[in-house]
Protein backbone atom coordinates (compact mmCIF):
# COMPACT_ATOMS: atom_id res chain seq x y z
CA UNK A 1 -25.19 -8.61 -15.94
CA UNK A 2 -27.41 -8.24 -12.93
CA UNK A 3 -29.48 -4.63 -12.21
CA UNK A 4 -29.44 -3.33 -9.07
CA UNK A 5 -31.20 0.02 -8.19
CA UNK A 6 -31.92 -0.35 -4.28
CA UNK A 7 -29.73 0.79 -1.72
CA UNK A 8 -31.60 -1.74 0.44
CA UNK A 9 -30.40 -4.30 -1.70
CA UNK A 10 -28.03 -6.89 0.70
CA UNK A 11 -25.73 -7.06 -2.00
CA UNK A 12 -25.22 -3.25 -1.85
CA UNK A 13 -25.14 -2.78 1.96
CA UNK A 14 -22.42 -5.88 2.07
CA UNK A 15 -20.06 -3.54 -0.17
CA UNK A 16 -20.94 -0.37 1.36
CA UNK A 17 -19.78 -1.84 4.75
CA UNK A 18 -16.45 -2.17 3.25
CA UNK A 19 -15.99 1.11 4.19
CA UNK A 20 -15.55 0.35 7.60
CA UNK A 21 -12.22 -1.51 9.12
CA UNK A 22 -15.17 -4.09 11.29
CA UNK A 23 -16.51 -5.74 7.80
CA UNK A 24 -13.37 -5.91 5.77
CA UNK A 25 -12.03 -7.88 7.97
CA UNK A 26 -15.42 -10.27 9.15
CA UNK A 27 -15.73 -10.41 5.34
CA UNK A 28 -11.74 -10.39 4.37
CA UNK A 29 -12.08 -7.89 1.27
CA UNK A 30 -12.18 -4.28 0.35
CA UNK A 31 -12.89 -1.51 -2.68
CA UNK A 32 -11.28 -0.72 -5.75
CA UNK A 33 -12.33 2.12 -7.06
CA UNK A 34 -12.14 3.51 -10.24
CA UNK A 35 -10.85 1.89 -14.28
CA UNK A 36 -6.78 2.10 -13.81
CA UNK A 37 -6.78 0.68 -10.04
CA UNK A 38 -9.99 -1.98 -11.29
CA UNK A 39 -7.55 -2.43 -13.46
CA UNK A 40 -4.72 -3.57 -11.81
CA UNK A 41 -7.57 -5.64 -9.38
CA UNK A 42 -8.55 -7.80 -12.11
CA UNK A 43 -5.14 -8.74 -13.03
CA UNK A 44 -2.94 -9.05 -9.68
CA UNK A 45 -5.88 -9.43 -7.23
CA UNK A 46 -8.97 -11.36 -6.81
CA UNK A 47 -12.08 -9.39 -7.76
CA UNK A 48 -15.32 -10.90 -6.32
CA UNK A 49 -17.47 -8.69 -7.05
CA UNK A 50 -17.47 -5.44 -9.91
CA UNK A 51 -19.71 -2.38 -10.31
CA UNK A 52 -20.55 -0.69 -13.29
CA UNK A 53 -22.34 2.77 -13.83
CA UNK A 54 -24.64 1.76 -16.11
CA UNK A 55 -26.05 5.63 -16.93
CA UNK A 56 -22.48 5.75 -17.99
CA UNK A 57 -23.36 6.30 -21.99
CA UNK A 58 -19.46 6.24 -23.12
CA UNK A 59 -17.82 2.68 -22.12
CA UNK A 60 -14.22 2.74 -23.06
CA UNK A 61 -12.73 -0.28 -24.63
CA UNK A 62 -10.25 -0.24 -22.72
CA UNK A 63 -13.46 -0.71 -20.04
CA UNK A 64 -14.77 -3.17 -21.83
CA UNK A 65 -12.31 -4.64 -21.42
CA UNK A 66 -11.79 -4.83 -17.85
CA UNK A 67 -15.43 -5.49 -17.41
CA UNK A 68 -15.23 -8.88 -20.01
CA UNK A 69 -11.40 -9.88 -18.27
CA UNK A 70 -13.40 -9.48 -14.59
CA UNK A 71 -16.28 -11.69 -15.85
CA UNK A 72 -14.08 -14.50 -17.10
CA UNK A 73 -12.07 -14.43 -13.78
CA UNK A 74 -15.07 -15.71 -12.40
CA UNK A 75 -16.29 -11.97 -10.69
CA UNK A 76 -19.62 -10.92 -9.91
CA UNK A 77 -20.72 -8.22 -12.78
CA UNK A 78 -24.12 -5.71 -11.60
CA UNK A 79 -24.63 -2.77 -13.65
CA UNK A 80 -25.94 0.10 -10.99
CA UNK A 81 -27.01 3.41 -10.47
CA UNK A 82 -25.63 6.74 -10.08
CA UNK A 83 -27.47 6.15 -6.97
CA UNK A 84 -26.44 2.40 -5.54
CA UNK A 85 -22.34 4.02 -6.88
CA UNK A 86 -22.14 6.54 -4.00
CA UNK A 87 -23.80 4.26 -2.26
CA UNK A 88 -20.89 2.32 -2.24
CA UNK A 89 -18.33 3.98 -2.81
CA UNK A 90 -15.52 6.27 -0.45
CA UNK A 91 -15.34 9.55 -3.06
CA UNK A 92 -18.10 12.18 -3.22
CA UNK A 93 -18.08 11.53 -6.60
CA UNK A 94 -17.75 7.79 -7.68
CA UNK A 95 -16.06 6.46 -11.08
CA UNK A 96 -17.64 4.41 -12.87
CA UNK A 97 -16.25 1.15 -11.76
CA UNK A 98 -15.60 0.17 -8.47
CA UNK A 99 -14.80 -3.33 -7.55
CA UNK A 100 -15.02 -5.85 -3.87
CA UNK A 101 -11.73 -7.62 -4.02
CA UNK A 102 -10.35 -10.29 -1.39
CA UNK A 103 -7.80 -8.92 1.05
CA UNK A 104 -4.18 -10.59 0.83
CA UNK A 105 -1.19 -10.68 3.31
CA UNK A 106 1.91 -11.61 2.47
CA UNK A 107 4.38 -13.37 5.10
CA UNK A 108 7.57 -12.44 6.32
CA UNK A 109 9.59 -15.49 4.70
CA UNK A 110 7.82 -14.86 0.95
CA UNK A 111 9.84 -10.80 1.12
CA UNK A 112 13.25 -12.42 2.58
CA UNK A 113 12.90 -14.84 -0.44
CA UNK A 114 12.48 -11.58 -2.80
CA UNK A 115 16.10 -9.96 -1.04
CA UNK A 116 17.30 -6.96 -1.89
CA UNK A 117 14.93 -3.71 0.29
CA UNK A 118 12.09 -3.22 2.36
CA UNK A 119 10.56 -0.97 3.46
CA UNK A 120 9.04 -1.08 7.37
CA UNK A 121 7.06 1.46 8.32
CA UNK A 122 6.45 1.48 12.52
CA UNK A 123 2.71 3.28 13.96
CA UNK A 124 1.53 5.38 10.74
CA UNK A 125 -0.85 6.55 10.98
CA UNK A 126 -2.33 8.41 7.88
CA UNK A 127 -3.32 6.40 5.46
CA UNK A 128 -3.27 9.00 2.36
CA UNK A 129 0.87 8.89 3.89
CA UNK A 130 0.88 5.43 4.46
CA UNK A 131 -0.46 4.65 0.33
CA UNK A 132 1.77 7.21 -1.03
CA UNK A 133 4.82 5.56 1.11
CA UNK A 134 3.83 2.11 -0.58
CA UNK A 135 3.18 3.48 -4.24
CA UNK A 136 6.64 4.98 -3.87
CA UNK A 137 8.36 1.59 -2.37
CA UNK A 138 6.95 0.04 -5.74
CA UNK A 139 8.64 3.10 -7.73
CA UNK A 140 11.63 2.79 -6.24
CA UNK A 141 11.80 -1.22 -6.93
CA UNK A 142 11.13 -2.18 -2.70
CA UNK A 143 11.20 -5.97 -2.52
CA UNK A 144 8.29 -5.66 0.00
CA UNK A 145 6.43 -3.80 2.41
CA UNK A 146 6.37 -4.81 6.34
CA UNK A 147 3.31 -2.57 8.39
CA UNK A 148 4.21 -3.05 12.14
CA UNK A 149 1.49 -3.58 14.96
CA UNK A 150 -0.24 -0.60 15.50
CA UNK A 151 -0.19 1.27 11.78
CA UNK A 152 -3.75 2.80 10.24
CA UNK A 153 -5.60 -0.04 8.28
CA UNK A 154 -3.64 -0.35 4.40
CA UNK A 155 -7.03 -1.62 3.01
CA UNK A 156 -8.55 1.99 3.77
CA UNK A 157 -10.49 3.09 0.93
CA UNK A 158 -8.36 6.24 1.51
CA UNK A 159 -5.35 4.43 1.55
CA UNK A 160 -6.22 2.12 -0.89
CA UNK A 161 -6.66 5.14 -3.52
CA UNK A 162 -3.24 6.73 -2.37
CA UNK A 163 -1.03 3.93 -3.81
CA UNK A 164 -2.30 4.05 -7.05
CA UNK A 165 -2.64 -0.21 -7.40
CA UNK A 166 0.80 -0.69 -5.92
CA UNK A 167 -0.11 -2.29 -3.14
CA UNK A 168 -2.13 -4.84 -6.01
CA UNK A 169 1.48 -6.19 -6.95
CA UNK A 170 3.20 -5.14 -4.21
CA UNK A 171 4.18 -8.06 -1.53
CA UNK A 172 2.92 -6.52 2.33
CA UNK A 173 3.11 -7.93 5.42
CA UNK A 174 0.46 -6.22 7.91
CA UNK A 175 0.30 -6.70 11.49
CA UNK A 176 3.79 -7.23 12.35
CA UNK A 177 5.19 -7.63 15.78
CA UNK A 178 8.34 -5.48 16.57
CA UNK A 179 10.15 -8.85 17.95
CA UNK A 180 9.07 -10.74 15.46
CA UNK A 181 10.21 -8.63 12.65
CA UNK A 182 13.42 -7.94 14.65
CA UNK A 183 13.42 -11.49 15.10
CA UNK A 184 13.16 -12.11 11.07
CA UNK A 185 15.34 -8.97 9.78
CA UNK A 186 18.13 -10.77 12.18
CA UNK A 187 17.81 -14.08 10.71
CA UNK A 188 17.09 -13.11 7.50
CA UNK A 189 20.40 -11.55 7.29
CA UNK A 190 18.49 -7.55 6.48
CA UNK A 191 20.36 -4.45 8.35
CA UNK A 192 17.66 -2.49 10.29
CA UNK A 193 18.15 1.24 8.45
CA UNK A 194 16.24 4.23 10.81
CA UNK A 195 15.76 7.60 10.22
CA UNK A 196 16.52 10.06 13.47
CA UNK A 197 18.79 12.33 14.45
CA UNK A 198 20.69 11.41 16.93
CA UNK A 199 24.40 9.80 16.73
CA UNK A 200 23.26 8.80 13.03
CA UNK A 201 25.41 9.86 9.91
CA UNK A 202 24.10 11.26 6.94
CA UNK A 203 21.50 9.16 4.39
CA UNK A 204 24.21 10.29 1.39
CA UNK A 205 27.22 9.20 3.30
CA UNK A 206 25.88 5.77 4.02
CA UNK A 207 26.16 2.21 2.53
CA UNK A 208 22.38 1.13 2.10
CA UNK A 209 23.41 -1.51 -0.83
CA UNK A 210 22.83 -5.30 0.17
CA UNK A 211 19.71 -6.35 2.59
CA UNK A 212 18.39 -3.10 4.05
CA UNK A 213 14.90 -2.88 6.19
CA UNK A 214 14.34 0.83 5.91
CA UNK A 215 12.96 1.64 8.91
CA UNK A 216 10.02 5.23 9.03
CA UNK A 217 8.07 5.54 12.21
CA UNK A 218 5.62 7.47 12.97
CA UNK A 219 4.24 10.85 12.12
CA UNK A 220 4.15 11.97 15.50
CA UNK A 221 7.27 9.73 16.95
CA UNK A 222 8.98 8.97 14.84
CA UNK A 223 10.84 5.40 15.94
CA UNK A 224 10.24 3.24 18.16
CA UNK A 225 12.95 3.00 21.35
CA UNK A 226 12.85 -0.63 21.01
CA UNK A 227 13.89 -0.24 16.75
CA UNK A 228 16.22 2.53 17.61
CA UNK A 229 17.88 -0.12 20.31
CA UNK A 230 18.27 -2.86 17.46
CA UNK A 231 19.17 -0.32 14.39
CA UNK A 232 22.50 -1.51 12.86
CA UNK A 233 22.54 1.61 11.13
CA UNK A 234 20.90 5.50 11.61
CA UNK A 235 21.03 8.30 8.83
CA UNK A 236 19.81 11.50 8.79
CA UNK A 237 18.53 13.60 5.75
CA UNK A 238 20.41 16.82 5.16
CA UNK A 239 18.68 19.36 4.58
CA UNK A 240 18.63 23.66 4.18
CA UNK A 241 16.22 25.53 4.89
CA UNK A 242 14.32 26.60 8.12
CA UNK A 243 11.90 23.68 8.10
CA UNK A 244 12.68 21.18 11.15
CA UNK A 245 10.87 18.30 10.01
CA UNK A 246 10.06 16.32 6.17
CA UNK A 247 6.93 14.38 5.69
CA UNK A 248 7.14 11.33 6.26
CA UNK A 249 5.80 9.60 3.15
CA UNK A 250 8.77 12.30 1.46
CA UNK A 251 11.74 11.03 3.68
CA UNK A 252 11.00 7.66 2.66
CA UNK A 253 10.20 8.39 -0.46
CA UNK A 254 14.01 9.90 -0.10
CA UNK A 255 15.95 7.30 1.57
CA UNK A 256 14.31 4.67 -0.76
CA UNK A 257 15.69 6.44 -3.55
CA UNK A 258 18.75 6.84 -2.48
CA UNK A 259 18.88 3.00 -2.09
CA UNK A 260 17.94 3.09 -5.64
CA UNK A 261 20.30 5.57 -6.53
CA UNK A 262 23.65 3.34 -4.77
CA UNK A 263 21.78 0.20 -6.34
CA UNK A 264 22.21 1.29 -10.28
CA UNK A 265 25.65 2.63 -9.68
CA UNK A 266 26.56 -0.80 -8.39
CA UNK A 267 25.22 -2.36 -11.69
CA UNK A 268 27.28 0.75 -13.60
CA UNK A 269 23.33 1.50 -14.80
CA UNK A 270 24.46 5.10 -13.91
């Protein structure tokens, strides 16, 4: 394991640049921080570099195993000082492991072959919301996620952290145009389900089984007009109380878990 103590080292500078989208695109890589997330990155992704805080005196067996597995997979290993780790990591108080991981993006055909329910995000702007929705999709058994053009970068550090590792093992297609998505959905036999208020049915009175593409619109504007026009089903989430609306990530979670509930009920598991 090589030692790095200078924040001016080219390896350190290149890793630190990954906090910016421009360099993530250039290097086709992104940052993953923390033991649990790095563990998933080693298991499901391609770790190019692994930075280990050398001042961490207590190394768990779990961390040692992750480092060993990363080395066996061909990752470059670096022991770094706290100053260097702070330079690389996006968090104020960096954890003991930070990895540079190769970017991957799923193809729409891959999602079609999996079938089931897919989550489609339309111009989601907050990376925390985006990451949370991917994490919820993973938990709800969604087969894949489609990020339409205009969504914030899913590989931004805040979004990656919010996925809690789900980004690394759930197929995610990014930068898909509305037209390409609608054409794909129609050809692949997906029903487009959008959340809105006008001419919509209650979520709990709508059949959500089979191939369903759940479309969640932007935090500020909701689902676009063209997606509304293409929708096969429009639903609203019944609410009581005085709140006028729900956070986009919360709404997405409610819809996805209703899809799961109906799927389990259909299999006699409820």
